[in-house]
Amino acid sequence: MLNTSLKQLFLSEATLNEKKKNDFNKDLGLALVTVIFKLKYTGKHIPDESALRKNYFEPIFEYFVFLKT
């Protein structure tokens, strides 16, 4: 059975889709680096990623997902 629902993208469409993905990744990376850079100048100890994940991720996640305080 021939699948006729697939559409081949023109090169310009494929390039545009890749550019959108790359722009998103670049913006996300820039945001994360900016935050990390600013945190280093607070003068406070920055905990290891695993400590943050084990001790803080769940309550923060629940707060935002379930709107708990």
PDB file of N, CA and C in Angstrom:
ATOM      1  N   MET A   1       0.841  -1.181   0.000  1.00  0.00           N
ATOM      2  CA  MET A   1       0.000   0.000   0.000  1.00  0.00           C
ATOM      3  C   MET A   1       0.888   1.245   0.000  1.00  0.00           C
ATOM      4  N   LEU A   2       0.638   2.166  -0.854  1.00  0.00           N
ATOM      5  CA  LEU A   2       1.419   3.382  -1.017  1.00  0.00           C
ATOM      6  C   LEU A   2       0.933   4.437  -0.025  1.00  0.00           C
ATOM      7  N   ASN A   3       1.874   5.016   0.724  1.00  0.00           N
ATOM      8  CA  ASN A   3       1.529   6.051   1.687  1.00  0.00           C
ATOM      9  C   ASN A   3       1.584   7.404   0.984  1.00  0.00           C
ATOM     10  N   THR A   4       0.460   7.993   0.726  1.00  0.00           N
ATOM     11  CA  THR A   4       0.409   9.273   0.011  1.00  0.00           C
ATOM     12  C   THR A   4       0.327  10.465   0.953  1.00  0.00           C
ATOM     13  N   SER A   5       0.357  10.223   2.259  1.00  0.00           N
ATOM     14  CA  SER A   5       0.235  11.327   3.201  1.00  0.00           C
ATOM     15  C   SER A   5       1.571  12.015   3.461  1.00  0.00           C
ATOM     16  N   LEU A   6       2.679  11.395   3.067  1.00  0.00           N
ATOM     17  CA  LEU A   6       3.977  12.014   3.267  1.00  0.00           C
ATOM     18  C   LEU A   6       4.215  13.079   2.213  1.00  0.00           C
ATOM     19  N   LYS A   7       4.842  14.166   2.634  1.00  0.00           N
ATOM     20  CA  LYS A   7       5.112  15.266   1.721  1.00  0.00           C
ATOM     21  C   LYS A   7       6.605  15.536   1.727  1.00  0.00           C
ATOM     22  N   GLN A   8       7.196  15.613   0.572  1.00  0.00           N
ATOM     23  CA  GLN A   8       8.607  15.937   0.479  1.00  0.00           C
ATOM     24  C   GLN A   8       8.752  17.446   0.557  1.00  0.00           C
ATOM     25  N   LEU A   9       9.654  17.899   1.425  1.00  0.00           N
ATOM     26  CA  LEU A   9       9.863  19.333   1.574  1.00  0.00           C
ATOM     27  C   LEU A   9      10.776  19.857   0.480  1.00  0.00           C
ATOM     28  N   PHE A  10      10.488  21.062   0.027  1.00  0.00           N
ATOM     29  CA  PHE A  10      11.424  21.744  -0.848  1.00  0.00           C
ATOM     30  C   PHE A  10      12.642  22.126  -0.029  1.00  0.00           C
ATOM     31  N   LEU A  11      13.757  22.326  -0.667  1.00  0.00           N
ATOM     32  CA  LEU A  11      14.992  22.656   0.039  1.00  0.00           C
ATOM     33  C   LEU A  11      14.824  23.912   0.883  1.00  0.00           C
ATOM     34  N   SER A  12      14.122  24.904   0.364  1.00  0.00           N
ATOM     35  CA  SER A  12      13.926  26.147   1.113  1.00  0.00           C
ATOM     36  C   SER A  12      13.103  25.915   2.379  1.00  0.00           C
ATOM     37  N   GLU A  13      12.116  25.017   2.326  1.00  0.00           N
ATOM     38  CA  GLU A  13      11.304  24.697   3.506  1.00  0.00           C
ATOM     39  C   GLU A  13      12.137  23.947   4.540  1.00  0.00           C
ATOM     40  N   ALA A  14      12.928  22.992   4.089  1.00  0.00           N
ATOM     41  CA  ALA A  14      13.764  22.216   4.996  1.00  0.00           C
ATOM     42  C   ALA A  14      14.792  23.115   5.669  1.00  0.00           C
ATOM     43  N   THR A  15      15.375  24.030   4.920  1.00  0.00           N
ATOM     44  CA  THR A  15      16.362  24.956   5.469  1.00  0.00           C
ATOM     45  C   THR A  15      15.717  25.866   6.500  1.00  0.00           C
ATOM     46  N   LEU A  16      14.511  26.340   6.212  1.00  0.00           N
ATOM     47  CA  LEU A  16      13.800  27.206   7.148  1.00  0.00           C
ATOM     48  C   LEU A  16      13.492  26.457   8.439  1.00  0.00           C
ATOM     49  N   ASN A  17      13.050  25.190   8.335  1.00  0.00           N
ATOM     50  CA  ASN A  17      12.772  24.394   9.528  1.00  0.00           C
ATOM     51  C   ASN A  17      14.029  24.205  10.362  1.00  0.00           C
ATOM     52  N   GLU A  18      15.159  23.927   9.730  1.00  0.00           N
ATOM     53  CA  GLU A  18      16.423  23.753  10.450  1.00  0.00           C
ATOM     54  C   GLU A  18      16.842  25.060  11.111  1.00  0.00           C
ATOM     55  N   LYS A  19      16.662  26.179  10.425  1.00  0.00           N
ATOM     56  CA  LYS A  19      17.033  27.470  10.998  1.00  0.00           C
ATOM     57  C   LYS A  19      16.218  27.763  12.248  1.00  0.00           C
ATOM     58  N   LYS A  20      14.912  27.443  12.229  1.00  0.00           N
ATOM     59  CA  LYS A  20      14.078  27.649  13.407  1.00  0.00           C
ATOM     60  C   LYS A  20      14.579  26.806  14.569  1.00  0.00           C
ATOM     61  N   LYS A  21      14.930  25.542  14.301  1.00  0.00           N
ATOM     62  CA  LYS A  21      15.449  24.675  15.357  1.00  0.00           C
ATOM     63  C   LYS A  21      16.765  25.218  15.888  1.00  0.00           C
ATOM     64  N   ASN A  22      17.643  25.644  14.991  1.00  0.00           N
ATOM     65  CA  ASN A  22      18.936  26.164  15.415  1.00  0.00           C
ATOM     66  C   ASN A  22      18.778  27.453  16.203  1.00  0.00           C
ATOM     67  N   ASP A  23      17.860  28.317  15.797  1.00  0.00           N
ATOM     68  CA  ASP A  23      17.618  29.556  16.535  1.00  0.00           C
ATOM     69  C   ASP A  23      17.108  29.253  17.939  1.00  0.00           C
ATOM     70  N   PHE A  24      16.214  28.282  18.056  1.00  0.00           N
ATOM     71  CA  PHE A  24      15.706  27.914  19.373  1.00  0.00           C
ATOM     72  C   PHE A  24      16.836  27.396  20.248  1.00  0.00           C
ATOM     73  N   ASN A  25      17.650  26.499  19.723  1.00  0.00           N
ATOM     74  CA  ASN A  25      18.757  25.945  20.502  1.00  0.00           C
ATOM     75  C   ASN A  25      19.741  27.022  20.907  1.00  0.00           C
ATOM     76  N   LYS A  26      20.017  27.950  19.995  1.00  0.00           N
ATOM     77  CA  LYS A  26      20.929  29.046  20.298  1.00  0.00           C
ATOM     78  C   LYS A  26      20.348  29.935  21.404  1.00  0.00           C
ATOM     79  N   ASP A  27      19.070  30.277  21.289  1.00  0.00           N
ATOM     80  CA  ASP A  27      18.426  31.116  22.301  1.00  0.00           C
ATOM     81  C   ASP A  27      18.383  30.429  23.657  1.00  0.00           C
ATOM     82  N   LEU A  28      18.078  29.136  23.668  1.00  0.00           N
ATOM     83  CA  LEU A  28      18.048  28.386  24.920  1.00  0.00           C
ATOM     84  C   LEU A  28      19.435  28.348  25.555  1.00  0.00           C
ATOM     85  N   GLY A  29      20.436  28.057  24.762  1.00  0.00           N
ATOM     86  CA  GLY A  29      21.808  28.031  25.269  1.00  0.00           C
ATOM     87  C   GLY A  29      22.230  29.380  25.815  1.00  0.00           C
ATOM     88  N   LEU A  30      21.885  30.443  25.103  1.00  0.00           N
ATOM     89  CA  LEU A  30      22.219  31.795  25.552  1.00  0.00           C
ATOM     90  C   LEU A  30      21.551  32.116  26.887  1.00  0.00           C
ATOM     91  N   ALA A  31      20.288  31.730  27.031  1.00  0.00           N
ATOM     92  CA  ALA A  31      19.571  31.980  28.284  1.00  0.00           C
ATOM     93  C   ALA A  31      20.225  31.242  29.444  1.00  0.00           C
ATOM     94  N   LEU A  32      20.571  29.977  29.221  1.00  0.00           N
ATOM     95  CA  LEU A  32      21.184  29.187  30.294  1.00  0.00           C
ATOM     96  C   LEU A  32      22.558  29.720  30.676  1.00  0.00           C
ATOM     97  N   VAL A  33      23.363  30.065  29.695  1.00  0.00           N
ATOM     98  CA  VAL A  33      24.697  30.598  29.982  1.00  0.00           C
ATOM     99  C   VAL A  33      24.593  31.936  30.702  1.00  0.00           C
ATOM    100  N   THR A  34      23.640  32.762  30.303  1.00  0.00           N
ATOM    101  CA  THR A  34      23.449  34.056  30.954  1.00  0.00           C
ATOM    102  C   THR A  34      23.097  33.883  32.424  1.00  0.00           C
ATOM    103  N   VAL A  35      22.198  32.966  32.713  1.00  0.00           N
ATOM    104  CA  VAL A  35      21.795  32.725  34.100  1.00  0.00           C
ATOM    105  C   VAL A  35      22.973  32.192  34.911  1.00  0.00           C
ATOM    106  N   ILE A  36      23.687  31.230  34.361  1.00  0.00           N
ATOM    107  CA  ILE A  36      24.836  30.655  35.072  1.00  0.00           C
ATOM    108  C   ILE A  36      25.888  31.720  35.319  1.00  0.00           C
ATOM    109  N   PHE A  37      26.141  32.555  34.316  1.00  0.00           N
ATOM    110  CA  PHE A  37      27.131  33.613  34.449  1.00  0.00           C
ATOM    111  C   PHE A  37      26.752  34.578  35.566  1.00  0.00           C
ATOM    112  N   LYS A  38      25.481  34.962  35.622  1.00  0.00           N
ATOM    113  CA  LYS A  38      25.025  35.893  36.658  1.00  0.00           C
ATOM    114  C   LYS A  38      25.064  35.249  38.042  1.00  0.00           C
ATOM    115  N   LEU A  39      24.755  33.967  38.138  1.00  0.00           N
ATOM    116  CA  LEU A  39      24.781  33.287  39.428  1.00  0.00           C
ATOM    117  C   LEU A  39      26.173  33.276  40.039  1.00  0.00           C
ATOM    118  N   LYS A  40      27.200  33.231  39.216  1.00  0.00           N
ATOM    119  CA  LYS A  40      28.564  33.167  39.726  1.00  0.00           C
ATOM    120  C   LYS A  40      28.960  34.445  40.428  1.00  0.00           C
ATOM    121  N   TYR A  41      28.282  35.541  40.138  1.00  0.00           N
ATOM    122  CA  TYR A  41      28.626  36.822  40.741  1.00  0.00           C
ATOM    123  C   TYR A  41      27.745  37.168  41.939  1.00  0.00           C
ATOM    124  N   THR A  42      26.989  36.206  42.446  1.00  0.00           N
ATOM    125  CA  THR A  42      26.186  36.449  43.639  1.00  0.00           C
ATOM    126  C   THR A  42      27.023  36.323  44.898  1.00  0.00           C
ATOM    127  N   GLY A  43      28.186  35.697  44.790  1.00  0.00           N
ATOM    128  CA  GLY A  43      29.043  35.485  45.947  1.00  0.00           C
ATOM    129  C   GLY A  43      28.595  34.309  46.792  1.00  0.00           C
ATOM    130  N   LYS A  44      27.613  33.581  46.339  1.00  0.00           N
ATOM    131  CA  LYS A  44      27.106  32.428  47.083  1.00  0.00           C
ATOM    132  C   LYS A  44      27.569  31.142  46.429  1.00  0.00           C
ATOM    133  N   HIS A  45      27.627  30.090  47.246  1.00  0.00           N
ATOM    134  CA  HIS A  45      28.009  28.778  46.749  1.00  0.00           C
ATOM    135  C   HIS A  45      26.907  28.249  45.830  1.00  0.00           C
ATOM    136  N   ILE A  46      27.294  27.786  44.661  1.00  0.00           N
ATOM    137  CA  ILE A  46      26.338  27.208  43.725  1.00  0.00           C
ATOM    138  C   ILE A  46      26.395  25.698  43.889  1.00  0.00           C
ATOM    139  N   PRO A  47      25.306  25.079  44.343  1.00  0.00           N
ATOM    140  CA  PRO A  47      25.313  23.630  44.567  1.00  0.00           C
ATOM    141  C   PRO A  47      25.493  22.846  43.276  1.00  0.00           C
ATOM    142  N   ASP A  48      25.955  21.637  43.442  1.00  0.00           N
ATOM    143  CA  ASP A  48      26.114  20.729  42.318  1.00  0.00           C
ATOM    144  C   ASP A  48      24.747  20.408  41.724  1.00  0.00           C
ATOM    145  N   GLU A  49      24.730  20.116  40.429  1.00  0.00           N
ATOM    146  CA  GLU A  49      23.481  19.802  39.724  1.00  0.00           C
ATOM    147  C   GLU A  49      22.727  18.665  40.391  1.00  0.00           C
ATOM    148  N   SER A  50      23.440  17.633  40.831  1.00  0.00           N
ATOM    149  CA  SER A  50      22.755  16.486  41.437  1.00  0.00           C
ATOM    150  C   SER A  50      22.105  16.864  42.768  1.00  0.00           C
ATOM    151  N   ALA A  51      22.732  17.752  43.535  1.00  0.00           N
ATOM    152  CA  ALA A  51      22.139  18.198  44.798  1.00  0.00           C
ATOM    153  C   ALA A  51      20.867  18.997  44.534  1.00  0.00           C
ATOM    154  N   LEU A  52      20.906  19.841  43.520  1.00  0.00           N
ATOM    155  CA  LEU A  52      19.709  20.603  43.173  1.00  0.00           C
ATOM    156  C   LEU A  52      18.587  19.677  42.728  1.00  0.00           C
ATOM    157  N   ARG A  53      18.944  18.709  41.900  1.00  0.00           N
ATOM    158  CA  ARG A  53      17.930  17.765  41.393  1.00  0.00           C
ATOM    159  C   ARG A  53      17.328  16.952  42.525  1.00  0.00           C
ATOM    160  N   LYS A  54      18.146  16.462  43.434  1.00  0.00           N
ATOM    161  CA  LYS A  54      17.660  15.601  44.521  1.00  0.00           C
ATOM    162  C   LYS A  54      16.851  16.372  45.557  1.00  0.00           C
ATOM    163  N   ASN A  55      17.238  17.614  45.834  1.00  0.00           N
ATOM    164  CA  ASN A  55      16.640  18.342  46.955  1.00  0.00           C
ATOM    165  C   ASN A  55      15.606  19.400  46.571  1.00  0.00           C
ATOM    166  N   TYR A  56      15.679  19.902  45.350  1.00  0.00           N
ATOM    167  CA  TYR A  56      14.833  21.041  45.012  1.00  0.00           C
ATOM    168  C   TYR A  56      13.926  20.837  43.814  1.00  0.00           C
ATOM    169  N   PHE A  57      14.274  19.930  42.930  1.00  0.00           N
ATOM    170  CA  PHE A  57      13.520  19.802  41.689  1.00  0.00           C
ATOM    171  C   PHE A  57      12.062  19.435  41.927  1.00  0.00           C
ATOM    172  N   GLU A  58      11.800  18.442  42.751  1.00  0.00           N
ATOM    173  CA  GLU A  58      10.423  17.969  42.943  1.00  0.00           C
ATOM    174  C   GLU A  58       9.491  19.051  43.479  1.00  0.00           C
ATOM    175  N   PRO A  59       9.862  19.755  44.561  1.00  0.00           N
ATOM    176  CA  PRO A  59       8.939  20.793  45.043  1.00  0.00           C
ATOM    177  C   PRO A  59       8.728  21.927  44.037  1.00  0.00           C
ATOM    178  N   ILE A  60       9.774  22.298  43.318  1.00  0.00           N
ATOM    179  CA  ILE A  60       9.624  23.357  42.316  1.00  0.00           C
ATOM    180  C   ILE A  60       8.744  22.873  41.178  1.00  0.00           C
ATOM    181  N   PHE A  61       8.967  21.645  40.732  1.00  0.00           N
ATOM    182  CA  PHE A  61       8.153  21.062  39.671  1.00  0.00           C
ATOM    183  C   PHE A  61       6.685  21.024  40.094  1.00  0.00           C
ATOM    184  N   GLU A  62       6.421  20.559  41.308  1.00  0.00           N
ATOM    185  CA  GLU A  62       5.044  20.481  41.795  1.00  0.00           C
ATOM    186  C   GLU A  62       4.415  21.866  41.895  1.00  0.00           C
ATOM    187  N   TYR A  63       5.201  22.833  42.317  1.00  0.00           N
ATOM    188  CA  TYR A  63       4.679  24.190  42.426  1.00  0.00           C
ATOM    189  C   TYR A  63       4.192  24.690  41.062  1.00  0.00           C
ATOM    190  N   PHE A  64       5.006  24.522  40.050  1.00  0.00           N
ATOM    191  CA  PHE A  64       4.625  25.029  38.735  1.00  0.00           C
ATOM    192  C   PHE A  64       3.579  24.180  38.041  1.00  0.00           C
ATOM    193  N   VAL A  65       3.623  22.882  38.219  1.00  0.00           N
ATOM    194  CA  VAL A  65       2.677  22.021  37.528  1.00  0.00           C
ATOM    195  C   VAL A  65       1.325  21.998  38.233  1.00  0.00           C
ATOM    196  N   PHE A  66       1.358  21.920  39.538  1.00  0.00           N
ATOM    197  CA  PHE A  66       0.112  21.779  40.290  1.00  0.00           C
ATOM    198  C   PHE A  66      -0.271  23.056  41.033  1.00  0.00           C
ATOM    199  N   LEU A  67       0.486  24.126  40.819  1.00  0.00           N
ATOM    200  CA  LEU A  67       0.252  25.437  41.444  1.00  0.00           C
ATOM    201  C   LEU A  67       0.150  25.327  42.955  1.00  0.00           C
ATOM    202  N   LYS A  68       1.097  24.576  43.523  1.00  0.00           N
ATOM    203  CA  LYS A  68       1.181  24.467  44.976  1.00  0.00           C
ATOM    204  C   LYS A  68       2.228  25.446  45.478  1.00  0.00           C
ATOM    205  N   THR A  69       2.080  25.868  46.719  1.00  0.00           N
ATOM    206  CA  THR A  69       3.097  26.745  47.315  1.00  0.00           C
ATOM    207  C   THR A  69       3.837  26.017  48.394  1.00  0.00           C
TER     208      THR A  69
END
